[in-house]
Amino acid sequence: MSENNRVTLQDIADEVGVSRVHVSRAIYSRGYVEERLRKKILKKAEELNYAPNRLATALVSGKTMNVLLAISKGFYYYDIMSPVPNMIKCISNELEKYGYWLQVSADLEERRDIKADGIIILGGSEKKFRAFPEELFLKPMVTSFKMGGNKIETVEKYSIPYVAYDAFSGLLKLAEFVAKKNISKVCVMNLPSGNDPFPVKISEISTVFQKYGINVGKDDVINIARKTERLTSQILDVMPILKKYELCILSSEILASHFYQAASIAKLKIPEDISIAGYDNAYYTQNFNPPLSSLYFSIEELAQKLVSLLISSINGDKGERYHVMNTDFTDRGSIR
């Protein structure tokens, strides 16, 4: 170890029994290293608490060692208690392994002087990409989104590497779980974000549940106006309607805390009086009583894949350009 007790690349090389060049390639993704050896080097670096000297790296490489994470204002505001904060943390942790800092921005459409080596976009859409200044597309860029609609065609049109997660796999497991419990009356509580009262997300639920003989049609969709201060009272207003259903699926877990509060006010017990399931696996819903059963996907895997694709793009590597993740379903006791 160096005199100032800072772990160096040479320290890691000595521990693993390889050259300093191999360690540099593995940690900074500069050139080929056999995958088994790369994992061994990264594991040893983590054990030794190696912290890359980002300033030195930036001076040598000519890079800023910054990555910009773009989140639309609406997405971040409405999902402040969703997986998004955890996504930011996981992405930041992954970037640190490569010696990069993470910056977060909510106004990418207005920025032209971005001093970053690459951009990560949470939630890709045609409207969003059209609004970006042309200068942005000169930088390495990756995006993530839930599959549906024409999103894949959109990102491929702009030649942007992506990580997508497919809700169908999780919905199939939820529908199978519900069918085994002989639940047949299912509704969806929806928080519309546009003029479409039957959006893609609900169409997916309807299609999947139909495979198990459970009909979820337009008449089974309960729309709640997107007014945060009135969500609980709106849910209370529709409680008489909910009583005729055995299960209510929340299309957005922004609704979750308000639903639990409304049920408490109405003196309804979950799941004894009404069963509910979530769609987004917001972390805070795991602390409810009972915790919310929900679809979920690995945020850690999402972060790892996004960063891996971006680093490859920054380094000019021509490898994997997309990754599709499956979702799952976990029962936490909110379905009777």
C-alpha atoms as a PDB file:
ATOM      1  CA  MET A   1       0.000   0.000   0.000  1.00  0.00           C
ATOM      2  CA  SER A   2       1.223   3.529  -0.745  1.00  0.00           C
ATOM      3  CA  GLU A   3       2.692   5.748   1.959  1.00  0.00           C
ATOM      4  CA  ASN A   4      -0.496   7.810   2.314  1.00  0.00           C
ATOM      5  CA  ASN A   5      -2.495   4.591   2.868  1.00  0.00           C
ATOM      6  CA  ARG A   6      -4.412   5.075  -0.374  1.00  0.00           C
ATOM      7  CA  VAL A   7      -5.025   1.805  -2.207  1.00  0.00           C
ATOM      8  CA  THR A   8      -3.480   1.916  -5.675  1.00  0.00           C
ATOM      9  CA  LEU A   9      -3.903  -0.104  -8.848  1.00  0.00           C
ATOM     10  CA  GLN A  10      -0.565  -1.749  -8.091  1.00  0.00           C
ATOM     11  CA  ASP A  11      -1.830  -2.865  -4.669  1.00  0.00           C
ATOM     12  CA  ILE A  12      -4.767  -4.600  -6.323  1.00  0.00           C
ATOM     13  CA  ALA A  13      -2.498  -6.104  -8.978  1.00  0.00           C
ATOM     14  CA  ASP A  14      -0.197  -7.532  -6.299  1.00  0.00           C
ATOM     15  CA  GLU A  15      -3.135  -9.045  -4.411  1.00  0.00           C
ATOM     16  CA  VAL A  16      -4.648 -10.676  -7.499  1.00  0.00           C
ATOM     17  CA  GLY A  17      -1.328 -11.650  -9.062  1.00  0.00           C
ATOM     18  CA  VAL A  18      -1.733  -9.805 -12.351  1.00  0.00           C
ATOM     19  CA  SER A  19      -0.200  -6.746 -13.970  1.00  0.00           C
ATOM     20  CA  ARG A  20      -1.233  -3.173 -13.232  1.00  0.00           C
ATOM     21  CA  VAL A  21      -2.396  -2.922 -16.852  1.00  0.00           C
ATOM     22  CA  HIS A  22      -4.918  -5.719 -16.315  1.00  0.00           C
ATOM     23  CA  VAL A  23      -6.277  -3.956 -13.229  1.00  0.00           C
ATOM     24  CA  SER A  24      -6.572  -0.640 -15.060  1.00  0.00           C
ATOM     25  CA  ARG A  25      -8.405  -2.285 -17.943  1.00  0.00           C
ATOM     26  CA  ALA A  26     -10.820  -4.070 -15.616  1.00  0.00           C
ATOM     27  CA  ILE A  27     -11.661  -1.088 -13.418  1.00  0.00           C
ATOM     28  CA  TYR A  28     -11.828   1.569 -16.113  1.00  0.00           C
ATOM     29  CA  SER A  29     -13.085  -0.661 -18.967  1.00  0.00           C
ATOM     30  CA  ARG A  30     -10.080   0.206 -21.119  1.00  0.00           C
ATOM     31  CA  GLY A  31      -9.439  -2.762 -23.333  1.00  0.00           C
ATOM     32  CA  TYR A  32     -10.167  -6.465 -23.104  1.00  0.00           C
ATOM     33  CA  VAL A  33      -9.937  -8.458 -19.891  1.00  0.00           C
ATOM     34  CA  GLU A  34     -11.263 -12.001 -19.607  1.00  0.00           C
ATOM     35  CA  GLU A  35     -14.602 -11.852 -17.767  1.00  0.00           C
ATOM     36  CA  ARG A  36     -13.638 -14.219 -14.944  1.00  0.00           C
ATOM     37  CA  LEU A  37     -10.484 -12.207 -14.260  1.00  0.00           C
ATOM     38  CA  ARG A  38     -12.354  -8.902 -14.483  1.00  0.00           C
ATOM     39  CA  LYS A  39     -14.798 -10.031 -11.787  1.00  0.00           C
ATOM     40  CA  LYS A  40     -11.919 -11.205  -9.602  1.00  0.00           C
ATOM     41  CA  ILE A  41     -10.170  -7.836  -9.926  1.00  0.00           C
ATOM     42  CA  LEU A  42     -13.339  -5.851  -9.210  1.00  0.00           C
ATOM     43  CA  LYS A  43     -14.082  -8.010  -6.180  1.00  0.00           C
ATOM     44  CA  LYS A  44     -10.592  -7.444  -4.788  1.00  0.00           C
ATOM     45  CA  ALA A  45     -10.865  -3.694  -5.461  1.00  0.00           C
ATOM     46  CA  GLU A  46     -14.097  -3.640  -3.475  1.00  0.00           C
ATOM     47  CA  GLU A  47     -12.539  -5.637  -0.624  1.00  0.00           C
ATOM     48  CA  LEU A  48      -9.668  -3.154  -0.430  1.00  0.00           C
ATOM     49  CA  ASN A  49     -12.072  -0.171  -0.600  1.00  0.00           C
ATOM     50  CA  TYR A  50     -10.312   1.129  -3.691  1.00  0.00           C
ATOM     51  CA  ALA A  51     -11.383   4.673  -4.611  1.00  0.00           C
ATOM     52  CA  PRO A  52     -10.414   5.746  -8.151  1.00  0.00           C
ATOM     53  CA  ASN A  53      -8.466   8.988  -8.403  1.00  0.00           C
ATOM     54  CA  ARG A  54     -10.985  10.717 -10.627  1.00  0.00           C
ATOM     55  CA  LEU A  55      -9.063  13.948 -11.032  1.00  0.00           C
ATOM     56  CA  ALA A  56      -5.966  12.124 -12.228  1.00  0.00           C
ATOM     57  CA  THR A  57      -8.080   9.967 -14.513  1.00  0.00           C
ATOM     58  CA  ALA A  58      -9.741  13.034 -16.013  1.00  0.00           C
ATOM     59  CA  LEU A  59      -6.388  14.726 -16.649  1.00  0.00           C
ATOM     60  CA  VAL A  60      -4.933  11.656 -18.340  1.00  0.00           C
ATOM     61  CA  SER A  61      -7.990  10.726 -20.397  1.00  0.00           C
ATOM     62  CA  GLY A  62      -9.247  14.196 -21.248  1.00  0.00           C
ATOM     63  CA  LYS A  63     -12.665  13.203 -19.915  1.00  0.00           C
ATOM     64  CA  THR A  64     -14.787  15.071 -17.384  1.00  0.00           C
ATOM     65  CA  MET A  65     -15.497  11.842 -15.456  1.00  0.00           C
ATOM     66  CA  ASN A  66     -19.073  13.112 -15.085  1.00  0.00           C
ATOM     67  CA  VAL A  67     -22.273  11.356 -16.169  1.00  0.00           C
ATOM     68  CA  LEU A  68     -25.589  13.185 -16.331  1.00  0.00           C
ATOM     69  CA  LEU A  69     -28.782  11.451 -15.207  1.00  0.00           C
ATOM     70  CA  ALA A  70     -31.834  13.027 -16.840  1.00  0.00           C
ATOM     71  CA  ILE A  71     -35.217  12.731 -15.128  1.00  0.00           C
ATOM     72  CA  SER A  72     -38.268  14.570 -16.420  1.00  0.00           C
ATOM     73  CA  LYS A  73     -39.786  16.984 -13.908  1.00  0.00           C
ATOM     74  CA  GLY A  74     -43.193  15.322 -13.878  1.00  0.00           C
ATOM     75  CA  PHE A  75     -41.770  11.818 -13.532  1.00  0.00           C
ATOM     76  CA  TYR A  76     -39.627  12.764 -10.560  1.00  0.00           C
ATOM     77  CA  TYR A  77     -42.286  14.876  -8.828  1.00  0.00           C
ATOM     78  CA  TYR A  78     -45.059  12.327  -8.909  1.00  0.00           C
ATOM     79  CA  ASP A  79     -42.813   9.378  -8.095  1.00  0.00           C
ATOM     80  CA  ILE A  80     -40.801  10.963  -5.307  1.00  0.00           C
ATOM     81  CA  MET A  81     -41.498   7.932  -3.070  1.00  0.00           C
ATOM     82  CA  SER A  82     -41.151   5.450  -5.917  1.00  0.00           C
ATOM     83  CA  PRO A  83     -38.097   3.388  -6.876  1.00  0.00           C
ATOM     84  CA  VAL A  84     -36.540   6.497  -8.501  1.00  0.00           C
ATOM     85  CA  PRO A  85     -34.458   7.665  -5.497  1.00  0.00           C
ATOM     86  CA  ASN A  86     -33.125   4.143  -5.093  1.00  0.00           C
ATOM     87  CA  MET A  87     -32.367   4.026  -8.830  1.00  0.00           C
ATOM     88  CA  ILE A  88     -30.284   7.173  -8.471  1.00  0.00           C
ATOM     89  CA  LYS A  89     -28.361   5.661  -5.572  1.00  0.00           C
ATOM     90  CA  CYS A  90     -27.704   2.381  -7.402  1.00  0.00           C
ATOM     91  CA  ILE A  91     -26.645   4.131 -10.624  1.00  0.00           C
ATOM     92  CA  SER A  92     -24.300   6.386  -8.658  1.00  0.00           C
ATOM     93  CA  ASN A  93     -22.762   3.380  -6.902  1.00  0.00           C
ATOM     94  CA  GLU A  94     -22.219   1.604 -10.226  1.00  0.00           C
ATOM     95  CA  LEU A  95     -20.625   4.668 -11.807  1.00  0.00           C
ATOM     96  CA  GLU A  96     -18.228   5.015  -8.883  1.00  0.00           C
ATOM     97  CA  LYS A  97     -16.787   1.613  -9.765  1.00  0.00           C
ATOM     98  CA  TYR A  98     -15.623   3.166 -13.031  1.00  0.00           C
ATOM     99  CA  GLY A  99     -14.462   6.404 -11.419  1.00  0.00           C
ATOM    100  CA  TYR A 100     -17.390   8.565 -12.549  1.00  0.00           C
ATOM    101  CA  TRP A 101     -19.430  11.181 -10.711  1.00  0.00           C
ATOM    102  CA  LEU A 102     -23.196  11.358 -11.193  1.00  0.00           C
ATOM    103  CA  GLN A 103     -25.087  14.601 -11.794  1.00  0.00           C
ATOM    104  CA  VAL A 104     -28.896  14.724 -11.820  1.00  0.00           C
ATOM    105  CA  SER A 105     -30.861  17.105 -14.032  1.00  0.00           C
ATOM    106  CA  ALA A 106     -34.565  17.684 -14.616  1.00  0.00           C
ATOM    107  CA  ASP A 107     -34.289  20.275 -17.395  1.00  0.00           C
ATOM    108  CA  LEU A 108     -32.238  18.529 -20.055  1.00  0.00           C
ATOM    109  CA  GLU A 109     -34.313  20.043 -22.858  1.00  0.00           C
ATOM    110  CA  GLU A 110     -32.959  23.478 -21.965  1.00  0.00           C
ATOM    111  CA  ARG A 111     -29.291  22.566 -21.560  1.00  0.00           C
ATOM    112  CA  ARG A 112     -26.693  22.843 -24.313  1.00  0.00           C
ATOM    113  CA  ASP A 113     -23.491  23.229 -22.322  1.00  0.00           C
ATOM    114  CA  ILE A 114     -23.462  19.856 -20.598  1.00  0.00           C
ATOM    115  CA  LYS A 115     -20.007  18.993 -19.323  1.00  0.00           C
ATOM    116  CA  ALA A 116     -20.376  15.236 -19.075  1.00  0.00           C
ATOM    117  CA  ASP A 117     -18.988  12.211 -20.857  1.00  0.00           C
ATOM    118  CA  GLY A 118     -22.359  10.516 -21.158  1.00  0.00           C
ATOM    119  CA  ILE A 119     -26.067  10.772 -20.395  1.00  0.00           C
ATOM    120  CA  ILE A 120     -28.487   8.337 -18.752  1.00  0.00           C
ATOM    121  CA  ILE A 121     -32.189   8.979 -19.360  1.00  0.00           C
ATOM    122  CA  LEU A 122     -34.879   7.443 -17.157  1.00  0.00           C
ATOM    123  CA  GLY A 123     -37.975   6.995 -19.287  1.00  0.00           C
ATOM    124  CA  GLY A 124     -37.482   7.404 -23.033  1.00  0.00           C
ATOM    125  CA  SER A 125     -40.174   8.846 -25.300  1.00  0.00           C
ATOM    126  CA  GLU A 126     -40.468  10.338 -28.777  1.00  0.00           C
ATOM    127  CA  LYS A 127     -41.662  13.635 -27.316  1.00  0.00           C
ATOM    128  CA  LYS A 128     -38.710  13.824 -24.936  1.00  0.00           C
ATOM    129  CA  PHE A 129     -36.087  13.013 -27.563  1.00  0.00           C
ATOM    130  CA  ARG A 130     -37.529  15.525 -30.039  1.00  0.00           C
ATOM    131  CA  ALA A 131     -37.204  18.248 -27.404  1.00  0.00           C
ATOM    132  CA  PHE A 132     -33.497  17.617 -26.823  1.00  0.00           C
ATOM    133  CA  PRO A 133     -30.988  20.026 -28.397  1.00  0.00           C
ATOM    134  CA  GLU A 134     -29.084  18.350 -31.234  1.00  0.00           C
ATOM    135  CA  GLU A 135     -25.845  18.792 -29.299  1.00  0.00           C
ATOM    136  CA  LEU A 136     -26.966  16.185 -26.777  1.00  0.00           C
ATOM    137  CA  PHE A 137     -27.012  13.421 -29.359  1.00  0.00           C
ATOM    138  CA  LEU A 138     -23.296  13.918 -29.931  1.00  0.00           C
ATOM    139  CA  LYS A 139     -22.689  12.428 -26.482  1.00  0.00           C
ATOM    140  CA  PRO A 140     -22.912   8.740 -25.524  1.00  0.00           C
ATOM    141  CA  MET A 141     -26.432   8.151 -24.243  1.00  0.00           C
ATOM    142  CA  VAL A 142     -28.480   5.279 -22.775  1.00  0.00           C
ATOM    143  CA  THR A 143     -32.087   5.106 -21.619  1.00  0.00           C
ATOM    144  CA  SER A 144     -34.428   2.856 -19.644  1.00  0.00           C
ATOM    145  CA  PHE A 145     -38.175   2.374 -19.827  1.00  0.00           C
ATOM    146  CA  LYS A 146     -41.035  -0.055 -19.300  1.00  0.00           C
ATOM    147  CA  MET A 147     -41.842  -1.888 -22.505  1.00  0.00           C
ATOM    148  CA  GLY A 148     -45.065  -0.916 -24.208  1.00  0.00           C
ATOM    149  CA  GLY A 149     -46.369   1.171 -27.075  1.00  0.00           C
ATOM    150  CA  ASN A 150     -43.704   2.135 -29.627  1.00  0.00           C
ATOM    151  CA  LYS A 151     -40.888   2.856 -27.170  1.00  0.00           C
ATOM    152  CA  ILE A 152     -38.430   0.345 -28.623  1.00  0.00           C
ATOM    153  CA  GLU A 153     -39.011   1.683 -32.134  1.00  0.00           C
ATOM    154  CA  THR A 154     -38.428   5.201 -30.803  1.00  0.00           C
ATOM    155  CA  VAL A 155     -35.074   4.541 -29.143  1.00  0.00           C
ATOM    156  CA  GLU A 156     -33.882   2.492 -32.101  1.00  0.00           C
ATOM    157  CA  LYS A 157     -34.840   5.385 -34.377  1.00  0.00           C
ATOM    158  CA  TYR A 158     -32.467   7.585 -32.375  1.00  0.00           C
ATOM    159  CA  SER A 159     -29.876   4.756 -32.103  1.00  0.00           C
ATOM    160  CA  ILE A 160     -29.856   4.921 -28.308  1.00  0.00           C
ATOM    161  CA  PRO A 161     -28.805   1.826 -26.318  1.00  0.00           C
ATOM    162  CA  TYR A 162     -31.449   0.891 -23.766  1.00  0.00           C
ATOM    163  CA  VAL A 163     -32.474  -1.268 -20.825  1.00  0.00           C
ATOM    164  CA  ALA A 164     -36.172  -2.165 -20.842  1.00  0.00           C
ATOM    165  CA  TYR A 165     -38.229  -4.042 -18.299  1.00  0.00           C
ATOM    166  CA  ASP A 166     -41.193  -6.130 -19.370  1.00  0.00           C
ATOM    167  CA  ALA A 167     -44.232  -6.054 -17.070  1.00  0.00           C
ATOM    168  CA  PHE A 168     -45.873  -9.058 -18.748  1.00  0.00           C
ATOM    169  CA  SER A 169     -43.791 -11.646 -16.917  1.00  0.00           C
ATOM    170  CA  GLY A 170     -44.725 -10.180 -13.527  1.00  0.00           C
ATOM    171  CA  LEU A 171     -48.369  -9.774 -14.509  1.00  0.00           C
ATOM    172  CA  LEU A 172     -48.545 -13.410 -15.566  1.00  0.00           C
ATOM    173  CA  LYS A 173     -47.322 -14.466 -12.127  1.00  0.00           C
ATOM    174  CA  LEU A 174     -49.801 -12.130 -10.423  1.00  0.00           C
ATOM    175  CA  ALA A 175     -52.685 -13.421 -12.559  1.00  0.00           C
ATOM    176  CA  GLU A 176     -51.700 -17.030 -11.862  1.00  0.00           C
ATOM    177  CA  PHE A 177     -51.501 -16.266  -8.130  1.00  0.00           C
ATOM    178  CA  VAL A 178     -54.940 -14.609  -8.199  1.00  0.00           C
ATOM    179  CA  ALA A 179     -56.493 -17.448 -10.201  1.00  0.00           C
ATOM    180  CA  LYS A 180     -55.242 -20.028  -7.688  1.00  0.00           C
ATOM    181  CA  LYS A 181     -57.072 -18.092  -4.976  1.00  0.00           C
ATOM    182  CA  ASN A 182     -60.276 -18.315  -7.053  1.00  0.00           C
ATOM    183  CA  ILE A 183     -60.545 -14.530  -7.276  1.00  0.00           C
ATOM    184  CA  SER A 184     -62.711 -13.547 -10.235  1.00  0.00           C
ATOM    185  CA  LYS A 185     -63.794  -9.952  -9.602  1.00  0.00           C
ATOM    186  CA  VAL A 186     -60.845  -7.637 -10.256  1.00  0.00           C
ATOM    187  CA  CYS A 187     -60.702  -3.883 -10.774  1.00  0.00           C
ATOM    188  CA  VAL A 188     -57.884  -1.452 -11.510  1.00  0.00           C
ATOM    189  CA  MET A 189     -57.506   1.888  -9.771  1.00  0.00           C
ATOM    190  CA  ASN A 190     -55.927   4.208 -12.304  1.00  0.00           C
ATOM    191  CA  LEU A 191     -54.217   7.587 -12.065  1.00  0.00           C
ATOM    192  CA  PRO A 192     -54.535   8.927 -15.634  1.00  0.00           C
ATOM    193  CA  SER A 193     -51.625  10.971 -16.930  1.00  0.00           C
ATOM    194  CA  GLY A 194     -53.354  11.922 -20.175  1.00  0.00           C
ATOM    195  CA  ASN A 195     -56.690  11.783 -21.932  1.00  0.00           C
ATOM    196  CA  ASP A 196     -56.671   8.011 -22.433  1.00  0.00           C
ATOM    197  CA  PRO A 197     -58.867   6.354 -19.756  1.00  0.00           C
ATOM    198  CA  PHE A 198     -57.615   2.895 -20.770  1.00  0.00           C
ATOM    199  CA  PRO A 199     -53.828   3.292 -21.216  1.00  0.00           C
ATOM    200  CA  VAL A 200     -51.240   0.687 -22.176  1.00  0.00           C
ATOM    201  CA  LYS A 201     -50.618  -0.380 -18.571  1.00  0.00           C
ATOM    202  CA  ILE A 202     -54.270  -1.287 -18.015  1.00  0.00           C
ATOM    203  CA  SER A 203     -54.510  -2.940 -21.425  1.00  0.00           C
ATOM    204  CA  GLU A 204     -51.637  -5.179 -20.338  1.00  0.00           C
ATOM    205  CA  ILE A 205     -53.450  -6.121 -17.133  1.00  0.00           C
ATOM    206  CA  SER A 206     -56.645  -6.845 -19.064  1.00  0.00           C
ATOM    207  CA  THR A 207     -54.862  -8.997 -21.657  1.00  0.00           C
ATOM    208  CA  VAL A 208     -52.925 -11.064 -19.126  1.00  0.00           C
ATOM    209  CA  PHE A 209     -55.829 -11.689 -16.744  1.00  0.00           C
ATOM    210  CA  GLN A 210     -58.012 -12.746 -19.671  1.00  0.00           C
ATOM    211  CA  LYS A 211     -55.659 -15.711 -20.138  1.00  0.00           C
ATOM    212  CA  TYR A 212     -56.868 -16.982 -16.756  1.00  0.00           C
ATOM    213  CA  GLY A 213     -60.540 -16.337 -17.454  1.00  0.00           C
ATOM    214  CA  ILE A 214     -60.652 -13.132 -15.395  1.00  0.00           C
ATOM    215  CA  ASN A 215     -62.249 -10.200 -17.184  1.00  0.00           C
ATOM    216  CA  VAL A 216     -60.907  -6.722 -16.468  1.00  0.00           C
ATOM    217  CA  GLY A 217     -62.685  -4.363 -18.843  1.00  0.00           C
ATOM    218  CA  LYS A 218     -63.181  -0.626 -19.142  1.00  0.00           C
ATOM    219  CA  ASP A 219     -66.053  -0.773 -16.659  1.00  0.00           C
ATOM    220  CA  ASP A 220     -63.629  -2.217 -14.108  1.00  0.00           C
ATOM    221  CA  VAL A 221     -61.274   0.774 -14.265  1.00  0.00           C
ATOM    222  CA  ILE A 222     -61.684   3.349 -11.499  1.00  0.00           C
ATOM    223  CA  ASN A 223     -60.018   6.612 -12.482  1.00  0.00           C
ATOM    224  CA  ILE A 224     -58.711   8.910  -9.762  1.00  0.00           C
ATOM    225  CA  ALA A 225     -57.905  12.515 -10.682  1.00  0.00           C
ATOM    226  CA  ARG A 226     -54.225  13.404 -10.373  1.00  0.00           C
ATOM    227  CA  LYS A 227     -54.660  15.869  -7.520  1.00  0.00           C
ATOM    228  CA  THR A 228     -52.333  14.811  -4.731  1.00  0.00           C
ATOM    229  CA  GLU A 229     -54.113  16.721  -1.972  1.00  0.00           C
ATOM    230  CA  ARG A 230     -57.425  14.968  -2.712  1.00  0.00           C
ATOM    231  CA  LEU A 231     -56.389  11.394  -3.444  1.00  0.00           C
ATOM    232  CA  THR A 232     -57.530   9.977  -0.103  1.00  0.00           C
ATOM    233  CA  SER A 233     -60.950  11.626  -0.279  1.00  0.00           C
ATOM    234  CA  GLN A 234     -61.425  10.485  -3.878  1.00  0.00           C
ATOM    235  CA  ILE A 235     -60.637   6.895  -2.908  1.00  0.00           C
ATOM    236  CA  LEU A 236     -63.071   7.168   0.005  1.00  0.00           C
ATOM    237  CA  ASP A 237     -65.755   8.279  -2.443  1.00  0.00           C
ATOM    238  CA  VAL A 238     -65.352   5.112  -4.524  1.00  0.00           C
ATOM    239  CA  MET A 239     -65.146   2.673  -1.598  1.00  0.00           C
ATOM    240  CA  PRO A 240     -68.783   1.569  -2.124  1.00  0.00           C
ATOM    241  CA  ILE A 241     -67.833   0.564  -5.681  1.00  0.00           C
ATOM    242  CA  LEU A 242     -64.721  -1.273  -4.500  1.00  0.00           C
ATOM    243  CA  LYS A 243     -66.748  -3.468  -2.156  1.00  0.00           C
ATOM    244  CA  LYS A 244     -68.118  -5.467  -5.094  1.00  0.00           C
ATOM    245  CA  TYR A 245     -64.591  -6.501  -6.114  1.00  0.00           C
ATOM    246  CA  GLU A 246     -62.332  -9.104  -4.537  1.00  0.00           C
ATOM    247  CA  LEU A 247     -59.079  -7.487  -5.696  1.00  0.00           C
ATOM    248  CA  CYS A 248     -58.051  -3.956  -6.613  1.00  0.00           C
ATOM    249  CA  ILE A 249     -54.824  -3.476  -8.583  1.00  0.00           C
ATOM    250  CA  LEU A 250     -53.203  -0.072  -8.147  1.00  0.00           C
ATOM    251  CA  SER A 251     -51.800   0.991 -11.522  1.00  0.00           C
ATOM    252  CA  SER A 252     -49.563   3.495  -9.731  1.00  0.00           C
ATOM    253  CA  GLU A 253     -48.242   3.157  -6.215  1.00  0.00           C
ATOM    254  CA  ILE A 254     -48.626   6.879  -5.750  1.00  0.00           C
ATOM    255  CA  LEU A 255     -52.104   5.670  -4.786  1.00  0.00           C
ATOM    256  CA  ALA A 256     -50.891   3.141  -2.215  1.00  0.00           C
ATOM    257  CA  SER A 257     -50.518   5.234   0.939  1.00  0.00           C
ATOM    258  CA  HIS A 258     -53.786   7.043   0.178  1.00  0.00           C
ATOM    259  CA  PHE A 259     -55.572   3.725  -0.344  1.00  0.00           C
ATOM    260  CA  TYR A 260     -54.398   2.378   3.014  1.00  0.00           C
ATOM    261  CA  GLN A 261     -55.448   5.624   4.698  1.00  0.00           C
ATOM    262  CA  ALA A 262     -58.868   5.597   3.029  1.00  0.00           C
ATOM    263  CA  ALA A 263     -59.406   1.953   4.002  1.00  0.00           C
ATOM    264  CA  SER A 264     -58.574   2.798   7.615  1.00  0.00           C
ATOM    265  CA  ILE A 265     -61.043   5.698   7.652  1.00  0.00           C
ATOM    266  CA  ALA A 266     -63.719   3.470   6.094  1.00  0.00           C
ATOM    267  CA  LYS A 267     -62.911   0.792   8.708  1.00  0.00           C
ATOM    268  CA  LEU A 268     -62.008  -1.737   6.021  1.00  0.00           C
ATOM    269  CA  LYS A 269     -59.249  -4.222   6.723  1.00  0.00           C
ATOM    270  CA  ILE A 270     -56.654  -5.277   4.151  1.00  0.00           C
ATOM    271  CA  PRO A 271     -56.869  -8.038   2.994  1.00  0.00           C
ATOM    272  CA  GLU A 272     -59.855  -9.293   5.033  1.00  0.00           C
ATOM    273  CA  ASP A 273     -62.319  -6.829   3.493  1.00  0.00           C
ATOM    274  CA  ILE A 274     -60.507  -5.960   0.282  1.00  0.00           C
ATOM    275  CA  SER A 275     -57.351  -7.266  -1.356  1.00  0.00           C
ATOM    276  CA  ILE A 276     -54.955  -4.981  -3.209  1.00  0.00           C
ATOM    277  CA  ALA A 277     -51.841  -5.401  -5.331  1.00  0.00           C
ATOM    278  CA  GLY A 278     -49.293  -2.889  -6.593  1.00  0.00           C
ATOM    279  CA  TYR A 279     -47.589  -2.381  -9.927  1.00  0.00           C
ATOM    280  CA  ASP A 280     -44.381  -0.465  -9.178  1.00  0.00           C
ATOM    281  CA  ASN A 281     -42.963  -1.945  -5.943  1.00  0.00           C
ATOM    282  CA  ALA A 282     -42.335   1.445  -4.345  1.00  0.00           C
ATOM    283  CA  TYR A 283     -39.966   0.805  -1.455  1.00  0.00           C
ATOM    284  CA  TYR A 284     -42.106   2.504   1.190  1.00  0.00           C
ATOM    285  CA  THR A 285     -45.074   0.177   0.538  1.00  0.00           C
ATOM    286  CA  GLN A 286     -43.045  -2.686   1.982  1.00  0.00           C
ATOM    287  CA  ASN A 287     -43.454  -1.057   5.408  1.00  0.00           C
ATOM    288  CA  PHE A 288     -47.254  -0.913   5.328  1.00  0.00           C
ATOM    289  CA  ASN A 289     -49.414  -3.182   7.477  1.00  0.00           C
ATOM    290  CA  PRO A 290     -49.753  -5.507   5.719  1.00  0.00           C
ATOM    291  CA  PRO A 291     -46.965  -4.820   3.200  1.00  0.00           C
ATOM    292  CA  LEU A 292     -48.208  -4.353  -0.355  1.00  0.00           C
ATOM    293  CA  SER A 293     -47.982  -7.366  -2.673  1.00  0.00           C
ATOM    294  CA  SER A 294     -46.551  -6.086  -5.936  1.00  0.00           C
ATOM    295  CA  LEU A 295     -44.832  -6.582  -9.250  1.00  0.00           C
ATOM    296  CA  TYR A 296     -41.143  -5.803  -9.005  1.00  0.00           C
ATOM    297  CA  PHE A 297     -37.873  -5.799 -10.904  1.00  0.00           C
ATOM    298  CA  SER A 298     -34.261  -5.596  -9.788  1.00  0.00           C
ATOM    299  CA  ILE A 299     -33.182  -1.968  -9.529  1.00  0.00           C
ATOM    300  CA  GLU A 300     -29.622  -3.144  -8.942  1.00  0.00           C
ATOM    301  CA  GLU A 301     -29.663  -5.062 -12.235  1.00  0.00           C
ATOM    302  CA  LEU A 302     -31.162  -2.061 -14.025  1.00  0.00           C
ATOM    303  CA  ALA A 303     -28.402   0.221 -12.727  1.00  0.00           C
ATOM    304  CA  GLN A 304     -25.655  -2.264 -13.541  1.00  0.00           C
ATOM    305  CA  LYS A 305     -26.850  -2.756 -17.109  1.00  0.00           C
ATOM    306  CA  LEU A 306     -27.416   0.955 -17.768  1.00  0.00           C
ATOM    307  CA  VAL A 307     -23.950   1.880 -16.552  1.00  0.00           C
ATOM    308  CA  SER A 308     -22.316  -1.023 -18.385  1.00  0.00           C
ATOM    309  CA  LEU A 309     -23.931   0.016 -21.680  1.00  0.00           C
ATOM    310  CA  LEU A 310     -22.974   3.649 -21.156  1.00  0.00           C
ATOM    311  CA  ILE A 311     -19.342   2.934 -20.269  1.00  0.00           C
ATOM    312  CA  SER A 312     -19.051   0.732 -23.352  1.00  0.00           C
ATOM    313  CA  SER A 313     -20.463   3.556 -25.463  1.00  0.00           C
ATOM    314  CA  ILE A 314     -18.129   6.134 -23.895  1.00  0.00           C
ATOM    315  CA  ASN A 315     -15.156   3.880 -24.622  1.00  0.00           C
ATOM    316  CA  GLY A 316     -16.287   3.247 -28.182  1.00  0.00           C
ATOM    317  CA  ASP A 317     -16.811  -0.474 -27.652  1.00  0.00           C
ATOM    318  CA  LYS A 318     -19.181  -2.182 -30.072  1.00  0.00           C
ATOM    319  CA  GLY A 319     -20.935  -4.762 -27.967  1.00  0.00           C
ATOM    320  CA  GLU A 320     -24.357  -5.233 -26.413  1.00  0.00           C
ATOM    321  CA  ARG A 321     -26.701  -2.330 -27.183  1.00  0.00           C
ATOM    322  CA  TYR A 322     -29.790  -3.351 -25.275  1.00  0.00           C
ATOM    323  CA  HIS A 323     -30.987  -5.512 -22.406  1.00  0.00           C
ATOM    324  CA  VAL A 324     -34.533  -6.616 -21.555  1.00  0.00           C
ATOM    325  CA  MET A 325     -35.349  -7.441 -17.929  1.00  0.00           C
ATOM    326  CA  ASN A 326     -38.230  -9.565 -16.713  1.00  0.00           C
ATOM    327  CA  THR A 327     -40.423  -8.483 -13.827  1.00  0.00           C
ATOM    328  CA  ASP A 328     -41.609 -10.751 -11.027  1.00  0.00           C
ATOM    329  CA  PHE A 329     -44.384 -10.787  -8.440  1.00  0.00           C
ATOM    330  CA  THR A 330     -44.023 -10.994  -4.683  1.00  0.00           C
ATOM    331  CA  ASP A 331     -46.841 -11.780  -2.258  1.00  0.00           C
ATOM    332  CA  ARG A 332     -46.502  -9.819   0.979  1.00  0.00           C
ATOM    333  CA  GLY A 333     -49.924 -10.517   2.428  1.00  0.00           C
ATOM    334  CA  SER A 334     -52.215  -7.844   0.958  1.00  0.00           C
ATOM    335  CA  ILE A 335     -54.169 -10.401  -1.109  1.00  0.00           C
ATOM    336  CA  ARG A 336     -56.567 -12.694   0.740  1.00  0.00           C
END
